[in-house]
Amino acid sequence: MVTVLKQGATKERIKRILKQLKKESESKGIDAYKYLGKIKLKKDALVIQKELRNEWE
């Protein structure tokens, strides 16, 4: 997306453009904090990762 700011733009115009850009950028991606603490592991995550890597050898 390209935004053009012309010389002599007012502060209000710049604020509106910035607000619009922020609104558009928020809609992309996922909210990772929504899933925080949802999985309960019985082992340490590093131990699980090492076990999974060793399976391929």
Protein backbone atom coordinates (compact mmCIF):
# COMPACT_ATOMS: atom_id res chain seq x y z
CA MET A 1 0.00 0.00 0.00
CA VAL A 2 1.25 3.45 -0.87
CA THR A 3 0.30 6.55 1.06
CA VAL A 4 1.10 9.96 -0.35
CA LEU A 5 1.59 12.91 1.94
CA LYS A 6 1.68 16.16 0.05
CA GLN A 7 3.72 19.07 1.22
CA GLY A 8 1.64 21.34 3.41
CA ALA A 9 -0.66 18.59 4.71
CA THR A 10 -2.38 19.53 7.94
CA LYS A 11 -1.87 17.69 11.21
CA GLU A 12 -5.47 16.50 11.10
CA ARG A 13 -4.99 15.00 7.64
CA ILE A 14 -1.82 13.21 8.77
CA LYS A 15 -3.58 11.87 11.88
CA ARG A 16 -6.44 10.50 9.75
CA ILE A 17 -4.00 8.76 7.41
CA LEU A 18 -2.08 7.24 10.33
CA LYS A 19 -5.32 6.08 11.94
CA GLN A 20 -6.41 4.43 8.71
CA LEU A 21 -3.04 2.67 8.30
CA LYS A 22 -3.18 1.38 11.86
CA LYS A 23 -6.71 0.07 11.34
CA GLU A 24 -5.68 -1.80 8.18
CA SER A 25 -2.56 -3.31 9.74
CA GLU A 26 -4.44 -4.63 12.80
CA SER A 27 -6.68 -6.85 10.71
CA LYS A 28 -3.78 -9.09 9.59
CA GLY A 29 -2.37 -11.94 11.63
CA ILE A 30 -3.58 -13.79 14.68
CA ASP A 31 -3.82 -12.93 18.34
CA ALA A 32 -1.17 -15.24 19.86
CA TYR A 33 -2.04 -14.16 23.40
CA LYS A 34 -5.41 -15.84 22.98
CA TYR A 35 -3.64 -19.23 23.14
CA LEU A 36 -1.24 -18.38 25.96
CA GLY A 37 -1.27 -21.04 28.69
CA LYS A 38 -3.80 -23.31 26.95
CA ILE A 39 -1.50 -26.34 26.60
CA LYS A 40 -0.43 -28.24 29.70
CA LEU A 41 2.76 -30.23 29.09
CA LYS A 42 3.85 -33.14 31.24
CA LYS A 43 7.49 -32.76 30.14
CA ASP A 44 9.76 -29.80 29.56
CA ALA A 45 9.34 -28.35 26.07
CA LEU A 46 13.07 -28.61 25.35
CA VAL A 47 13.06 -32.33 26.22
CA ILE A 48 10.12 -32.93 23.89
CA GLN A 49 11.87 -31.04 21.10
CA LYS A 50 15.07 -33.09 21.49
CA GLU A 51 13.10 -36.35 21.47
CA LEU A 52 11.33 -35.37 18.26
CA ARG A 53 14.61 -34.46 16.58
CA ASN A 54 16.21 -37.75 17.65
CA GLU A 55 13.39 -39.72 16.00
CA TRP A 56 14.64 -38.69 12.56
CA GLU A 57 18.16 -40.02 13.07
